[in-house]
Protein backbone atom coordinates (compact mmCIF):
# COMPACT_ATOMS: atom_id res chain seq x y z
CA MET A 1 78.76 -74.66 -135.58
CA CYS A 2 81.52 -72.09 -135.61
CA ALA A 3 81.30 -68.91 -133.28
CA CYS A 4 82.86 -66.68 -135.87
CA VAL A 5 81.24 -63.49 -136.97
CA THR A 6 81.94 -64.09 -140.56
CA CYS A 7 80.92 -67.96 -140.60
CA ASN A 8 77.22 -66.74 -139.10
CA GLU A 9 76.39 -63.25 -140.95
CA ASP A 10 78.83 -60.93 -142.91
CA VAL A 11 80.18 -57.67 -141.33
CA ASP A 12 79.02 -54.97 -144.11
CA LEU A 13 81.61 -52.08 -142.71
CA ASN A 14 81.12 -50.44 -145.51
CA GLU A 15 77.61 -49.73 -144.53
CA MET A 16 78.77 -48.77 -140.86
CA ILE A 17 81.07 -46.09 -142.17
CA LEU A 18 78.07 -44.74 -144.27
CA ASN A 19 75.99 -44.38 -141.00
CA ALA A 20 78.63 -43.27 -139.21
CA THR A 21 79.39 -40.17 -141.83
CA SER A 22 75.46 -39.66 -142.35
CA GLN A 23 75.79 -38.72 -138.08
CA ILE A 24 77.82 -35.57 -138.80
CA PRO A 25 75.65 -32.51 -138.32
CA LYS A 26 75.55 -29.79 -140.82
CA GLY A 27 77.96 -26.95 -139.95
CA MET A 28 80.73 -29.47 -138.93
CA VAL A 29 83.01 -31.67 -139.98
CA SER A 30 84.93 -34.93 -138.55
CA THR A 31 87.90 -36.65 -139.81
CA TYR A 32 88.50 -40.30 -141.58
CA GLY A 33 90.78 -41.40 -138.82
CA GLY A 34 87.73 -40.03 -136.15
CA ILE A 35 85.39 -42.43 -137.98
CA ALA A 36 87.93 -44.99 -137.87
CA LYS A 37 88.53 -44.65 -134.00
CA ALA A 38 84.89 -44.67 -133.40
CA LEU A 39 84.75 -48.40 -135.48
CA GLY A 40 87.62 -49.57 -133.38
CA ASP A 41 90.69 -49.33 -135.20
CA VAL A 42 92.63 -46.09 -136.54
CA ARG A 43 94.43 -47.94 -139.15
CA ALA A 44 91.03 -48.12 -141.03
CA SER A 45 91.51 -44.44 -141.75
CA ARG A 46 92.35 -45.49 -145.22
CA ALA A 47 89.80 -47.94 -145.59
CA VAL A 48 87.04 -44.72 -144.83
CA GLY A 49 88.41 -42.92 -147.27
CA THR A 50 87.93 -45.74 -149.85
CA VAL A 51 84.47 -46.13 -149.04
CA LEU A 52 83.66 -42.60 -149.06
CA ALA A 53 85.29 -42.14 -152.18
CA LYS A 54 82.67 -44.39 -153.39
CA ASN A 55 79.33 -43.23 -151.72
CA PRO A 56 76.41 -44.29 -153.20
CA ARG A 57 73.82 -42.12 -151.70
CA PRO A 58 75.75 -38.28 -151.87
CA PHE A 59 74.04 -35.70 -149.52
CA VAL A 60 71.98 -38.46 -148.01
CA VAL A 61 75.51 -39.19 -146.20
CA PRO A 62 77.19 -35.98 -146.35
CA CYS A 63 81.25 -37.31 -147.20
CA HIS A 64 82.04 -33.67 -147.95
CA ARG A 65 81.92 -33.27 -144.34
CA VAL A 66 84.83 -35.50 -143.58
CA VAL A 67 88.17 -33.88 -143.92
CA TYR A 68 91.99 -34.80 -143.03
CA GLY A 69 93.05 -34.60 -139.70
CA ASP A 70 95.07 -31.52 -139.82
CA GLY A 71 91.87 -29.72 -141.14
CA ARG A 72 92.97 -30.27 -144.97
CA THR A 73 89.06 -30.27 -146.90
CA GLY A 74 91.14 -32.66 -149.45
CA TRP A 75 89.11 -34.19 -152.10
CA TYR A 76 85.44 -35.60 -152.76
CA GLY A 77 84.64 -38.55 -154.99
CA GLY A 78 88.28 -40.00 -154.88
CA ILE A 79 91.84 -38.43 -155.16
CA ARG A 80 92.26 -35.36 -156.99
CA ASN A 81 88.29 -35.08 -157.69
CA GLY A 82 86.24 -32.71 -156.66
CA ALA A 83 87.84 -30.27 -153.91
CA ASP A 84 86.53 -27.09 -155.34
CA ARG A 85 82.66 -28.62 -154.95
CA LYS A 86 83.52 -29.94 -151.62
CA LEU A 87 84.76 -26.64 -150.57
CA GLU A 88 81.45 -24.82 -152.06
CA LEU A 89 79.04 -27.40 -150.33
CA LEU A 90 81.11 -26.88 -147.35
CA ARG A 91 81.03 -23.18 -147.29
CA ALA A 92 77.02 -23.47 -148.02
CA GLU A 93 76.56 -25.01 -144.71
CA GLY A 94 78.15 -22.38 -142.68
CA VAL A 95 81.95 -24.38 -142.40
CA LYS A 96 85.13 -21.69 -142.76
CA VAL A 97 87.42 -22.56 -144.80
CA VAL A 98 90.91 -20.80 -145.44
CA ASP A 99 93.50 -22.37 -147.77
CA GLY A 100 92.01 -25.21 -148.02
CA ARG A 101 91.08 -26.31 -144.23
CA VAL A 102 88.97 -25.70 -141.99
CA GLU A 103 88.87 -22.61 -139.99
CA ASP A 104 88.53 -23.01 -135.84
CA PHE A 105 88.90 -26.81 -136.65
CA GLU A 106 88.00 -27.89 -132.92
CA ARG A 107 84.66 -25.94 -132.30
CA VAL A 108 82.94 -27.42 -135.81
CA HIS A 109 84.82 -31.00 -135.03
CA PHE A 110 81.99 -33.56 -134.49
CA SER A 111 83.24 -36.91 -133.21
CA LYS A 112 80.28 -38.00 -131.05
CA PHE A 113 79.27 -41.11 -133.30
CA ARG A 114 76.79 -43.47 -132.14
CA ILE A 115 78.14 -46.75 -133.96
CA PRO A 116 79.70 -50.11 -132.29
CA SER A 117 83.36 -50.33 -132.38
CA ILE A 118 83.09 -53.31 -134.59
CA LEU A 119 86.85 -53.34 -135.07
CA LYS A 120 87.63 -54.24 -131.51
CA ASP A 121 85.18 -57.01 -131.17
CA LEU A 122 86.75 -58.66 -134.35
CA ALA A 123 90.44 -57.96 -132.98
CA ARG A 124 89.46 -59.73 -129.48
CA GLU A 125 87.21 -62.62 -131.82
CA GLN A 126 90.73 -63.22 -133.45
CA GLU A 127 92.20 -63.50 -130.29
CA ARG A 128 89.79 -65.88 -129.05
CA LEU A 129 90.09 -68.06 -132.05
CA GLN A 130 93.56 -68.16 -132.38
CA ALA A 131 93.82 -70.64 -129.29
CA LEU A 132 91.78 -73.01 -131.16
CA VAL A 133 94.76 -72.86 -134.42
CA ILE A 134 95.86 -76.85 -134.38
CA GLU A 135 100.01 -76.75 -135.43
CA ARG A 136 100.69 -80.10 -136.16
CA ASP A 137 99.24 -82.25 -139.27
CA ASP A 138 96.31 -82.99 -138.88
CA PHE A 139 95.08 -84.25 -142.32
CA SER A 140 94.60 -87.51 -144.43
CA GLY A 141 96.93 -87.70 -147.35
CA PRO A 142 97.23 -85.35 -148.62
CA GLU A 143 96.68 -86.17 -152.38
CA PHE A 144 95.39 -82.35 -153.00
CA ILE A 145 96.30 -78.87 -152.55
CA ALA A 146 93.75 -76.22 -153.88
CA GLY A 147 94.61 -72.77 -154.38
CA LEU A 148 92.50 -69.80 -153.34
CA ASP A 149 92.71 -66.15 -154.31
CA VAL A 150 90.54 -63.12 -154.85
CA ALA A 151 90.59 -60.10 -157.30
CA TYR A 152 88.46 -56.92 -157.36
CA GLU A 153 87.02 -55.03 -159.79
CA GLY A 154 85.24 -52.02 -158.00
CA THR A 155 83.23 -53.42 -155.22
CA ILE A 156 82.81 -56.96 -156.51
CA GLY A 157 85.33 -59.87 -155.10
CA HIS A 158 86.15 -62.47 -157.33
CA ALA A 159 87.14 -65.57 -155.62
CA SER A 160 88.58 -68.57 -157.53
CA MET A 161 90.37 -71.80 -156.34
CA VAL A 162 91.96 -74.28 -158.67
CA LYS A 163 92.93 -77.41 -157.39
CA ILE A 164 95.81 -79.96 -158.42
CA ARG A 165 96.92 -83.42 -157.71
CA LEU A 166 100.24 -83.73 -155.99
CA SER A 167 101.09 -86.70 -157.32
CA ASP A 168 101.21 -85.56 -161.01
CA LEU A 169 100.81 -82.07 -160.48
CA LYS A 170 97.50 -81.48 -162.92
CA VAL A 171 94.69 -79.50 -162.27
CA VAL A 172 91.45 -81.60 -160.95
CA ASP A 173 89.20 -79.08 -160.02
CA GLU A 174 88.53 -75.34 -160.88
CA ALA A 175 85.74 -72.98 -159.26
CA ASP A 176 84.66 -69.05 -158.83
CA PHE A 177 82.54 -67.16 -156.86
CA SER A 178 81.52 -63.46 -156.97
CA ALA A 179 79.77 -60.96 -155.01
CA GLU A 180 80.06 -57.87 -153.20
CA ALA A 181 82.58 -57.35 -150.61
CA ARG A 182 81.07 -55.86 -147.73
CA PHE A 183 83.98 -55.46 -145.76
CA PRO A 184 86.90 -52.77 -147.22
CA TYR A 185 90.34 -54.04 -146.88
CA ILE A 186 91.96 -53.14 -143.40
CA PRO A 187 95.23 -54.56 -142.62
CA SER A 188 95.04 -57.53 -140.04
CA TYR A 189 91.54 -57.81 -141.00
CA LEU A 190 91.72 -59.20 -144.27
CA SER A 191 89.77 -62.50 -143.60
CA TYR A 192 86.11 -60.49 -142.84
CA ARG A 193 86.76 -58.96 -146.18
CA GLU A 194 87.50 -62.57 -147.69
CA LEU A 195 86.32 -65.35 -146.18
CA PRO A 196 82.57 -64.40 -147.19
CA LEU A 197 83.67 -64.78 -150.40
CA LEU A 198 86.38 -67.76 -150.27
CA ARG A 199 83.49 -70.08 -147.93
CA HIS A 200 82.02 -70.78 -151.43
CA LEU A 201 84.81 -72.51 -152.49
CA ILE A 202 85.85 -74.60 -149.75
CA HIS A 203 84.78 -78.09 -148.86
CA ASN A 204 85.99 -80.62 -146.57
CA ASP A 205 86.73 -82.67 -148.82
CA GLU A 206 89.51 -85.87 -147.68
CA GLY A 207 93.12 -85.42 -148.78
CA THR A 208 92.82 -81.91 -149.55
CA ILE A 209 94.81 -78.97 -148.30
CA TYR A 210 93.85 -75.34 -148.77
CA LEU A 211 96.64 -73.02 -149.51
CA ILE A 212 95.36 -69.89 -148.92
CA ASP A 213 96.71 -66.01 -150.62
CA GLY A 214 97.48 -64.11 -147.24
CA GLN A 215 98.87 -64.87 -143.25
CA GLY A 216 98.88 -67.75 -141.58
CA GLN A 217 100.13 -66.79 -137.74
CA LEU A 218 102.39 -64.51 -139.26
CA HIS A 219 99.72 -61.86 -138.04
CA PRO A 220 99.36 -59.02 -135.33
CA ARG A 221 97.05 -61.47 -133.28
CA GLY A 222 98.30 -64.66 -134.66
CA PHE A 223 95.31 -65.41 -136.28
CA GLY A 224 95.55 -64.44 -139.90
CA ILE A 225 92.90 -65.59 -143.34
CA ALA A 226 94.71 -68.87 -143.52
CA CYS A 227 94.01 -69.70 -139.88
CA HIS A 228 90.71 -68.03 -139.74
CA VAL A 229 89.21 -70.57 -143.02
CA GLY A 230 90.70 -73.56 -141.59
CA VAL A 231 89.28 -73.10 -137.72
CA CYS A 232 86.01 -71.38 -138.39
CA LEU A 233 85.79 -74.29 -141.60
CA ASP A 234 87.33 -76.89 -140.23
CA VAL A 235 90.03 -77.79 -143.39
CA PRO A 236 93.40 -77.93 -143.19
CA THR A 237 95.07 -74.66 -144.50
CA ILE A 238 98.54 -72.81 -144.90
CA GLY A 239 99.19 -69.34 -145.33
CA ALA A 240 101.14 -68.32 -147.94
CA ALA A 241 101.56 -64.57 -148.48
CA LYS A 242 103.25 -62.23 -151.36
CA SER A 243 104.18 -59.73 -148.63
CA LEU A 244 105.54 -59.72 -144.73
CA LEU A 245 102.50 -58.31 -142.61
CA GLN A 246 104.39 -59.38 -139.52
CA GLY A 247 108.06 -61.17 -137.86
CA ASN A 248 111.63 -61.05 -138.85
CA VAL A 249 113.36 -63.10 -141.72
CA GLU A 250 116.62 -64.57 -140.99
CA GLY A 251 118.80 -64.35 -143.69
CA GLU A 252 118.24 -64.19 -147.50
CA GLY A 253 118.85 -67.89 -148.61
CA HIS A 254 116.34 -70.11 -150.59
CA LYS A 255 114.35 -70.80 -147.46
CA ALA A 256 114.74 -68.20 -144.62
CA PRO A 257 113.26 -68.93 -141.04
CA ILE A 258 110.68 -66.13 -139.67
CA ARG A 259 110.47 -65.26 -136.13
CA LEU A 260 107.69 -63.34 -134.91
CA ASN A 261 108.38 -62.01 -131.07
CA GLY A 262 111.11 -64.93 -130.56
CA ARG A 263 108.94 -67.59 -132.07
CA LEU A 264 109.75 -69.42 -135.16
CA LEU A 265 106.50 -69.31 -137.24
CA GLY A 266 107.32 -68.89 -140.83
CA CYS A 267 109.55 -69.41 -143.60
CA GLN A 268 110.65 -66.80 -146.53
CA LEU A 269 110.84 -69.13 -149.73
CA HIS A 270 113.08 -67.17 -152.53
CA PRO A 271 114.08 -69.76 -155.40
CA GLU A 272 114.43 -67.32 -157.97
CA GLY A 273 113.79 -63.92 -158.91
CA ARG A 274 112.62 -61.03 -156.75
CA ALA A 275 109.50 -62.94 -156.09
CA ARG A 276 108.85 -64.13 -152.38
CA THR A 277 106.26 -66.38 -150.56
CA TYR A 278 106.08 -66.14 -146.82
CA VAL A 279 104.51 -69.45 -145.50
CA SER A 280 102.98 -69.93 -142.17
CA VAL A 281 101.08 -72.56 -140.56
CA GLY A 282 97.20 -72.05 -141.25
CA HIS A 283 95.29 -74.19 -139.22
CA ARG A 284 96.15 -78.76 -138.71
CA VAL A 285 99.17 -78.46 -141.23
CA SER A 286 103.05 -77.96 -139.23
CA LEU A 287 105.28 -75.59 -140.48
CA LYS A 288 107.78 -77.70 -141.52
CA THR A 289 104.95 -79.70 -143.87
CA ALA A 290 103.74 -76.12 -144.79
CA THR A 291 107.25 -75.05 -146.23
CA GLU A 292 107.81 -78.55 -147.91
CA ILE A 293 104.84 -78.33 -149.81
CA CYS A 294 105.01 -75.20 -150.66
CA ASN A 295 108.50 -75.50 -151.91
CA GLY A 296 108.02 -78.48 -153.85
CA LEU A 297 105.39 -76.44 -156.11
CA MET A 298 107.15 -72.99 -156.33
CA VAL A 299 106.99 -71.69 -160.18
CA ARG A 300 107.75 -68.11 -160.52
CA GLY A 301 108.34 -67.19 -156.83
CA VAL A 302 104.97 -68.42 -155.91
CA PRO A 303 103.44 -71.94 -155.48
CA GLU A 304 101.80 -73.29 -158.54
CA PRO A 305 98.05 -73.77 -157.02
CA LEU A 306 98.55 -70.33 -156.03
CA ARG A 307 99.86 -68.75 -159.47
CA LEU A 308 96.85 -70.51 -161.05
CA ALA A 309 94.14 -69.36 -159.25
CA HIS A 310 95.49 -65.75 -159.19
CA ILE A 311 95.46 -66.09 -162.77
CA ARG A 312 91.74 -67.21 -163.00
CA CYS A 313 90.48 -64.55 -160.45
CA GLY A 314 92.25 -61.82 -162.50
CA GLU A 315 90.59 -62.79 -165.76
CA LEU A 316 87.56 -62.61 -163.92
CA ALA A 317 88.26 -58.76 -162.49
CA ARG A 318 89.29 -57.80 -165.75
CA LYS A 319 86.39 -59.64 -167.61
CA ALA A 320 84.05 -58.14 -165.07
CA LYS A 321 85.43 -54.22 -166.20
CA ARG A 322 85.38 -55.08 -169.66
CA GLY A 323 81.58 -55.65 -169.00
CA LYS A 324 81.47 -59.23 -169.73
CA GLY A 325 81.26 -60.74 -166.27
CA ILE A 326 78.53 -62.14 -164.32
CA CYS A 327 78.43 -62.10 -160.75
CA ALA A 328 76.99 -64.68 -158.81
CA SER A 329 75.21 -63.91 -155.47
């Protein structure tokens, strides 16, 4: 059984952020960065703001007590919303605000959160699991390539899988899964947001390689979502991202190598137009093979199974927005 946190119980970071906010006493304030730091990584500051903008329990969770690091009070209920209401609530609790900033900020600043540093734990888990990545070809076939992507409408994530047969490039299978995403987007922690969705679409089918919309080894800890999916579910995977998170591209040709810390860890595919795909090892597929597979499937700058999965999950999200989507659970 996999020892990964995400494979055994989903991390509800949204609830942890709301819990932390609930600990800020009346008459005091904290910051988005302060909550993120308490969670273990200050890079989660934007995610804290995103979660609080959709606070499902106003007043019970006093998100009006969370301000910017320079003392500016900011918005209430989303960007460009509720600034006056936030000022009103803070002043009613005895917090002095002058020209949109909290006065005597250090005196009323709260930072003694009683929450686990979960992001530090997850980063350490990624570092531990990275050692399990197999960088050589270790699969049968391949006969099929399955593209996986996720689109979002509000807090609901819509995951899609489109599988094609390599011999004739025909679609042979499609599947979807939708559920609440309980982990906001934070750079380098994407797998904890999307693996709980994607795992419902992945089966250890003989001859199938899974093409993940995200990083493999081109990741700050060498363990992006493609590695995480591969190692934890024991399937061959390739990372094929739309943007570059780490590494340096050498040149601008059709196929350009990407190095990270002196190691060749990826390839930029740029066959036409402005679209680029950044390929890296996920698990049990070598970089050479990963690059060859993706290069042979490129349509409009994206490997075809991923392009089709992107279209499919995007349509699910649009239907949900129009009130026609059905969320599986």
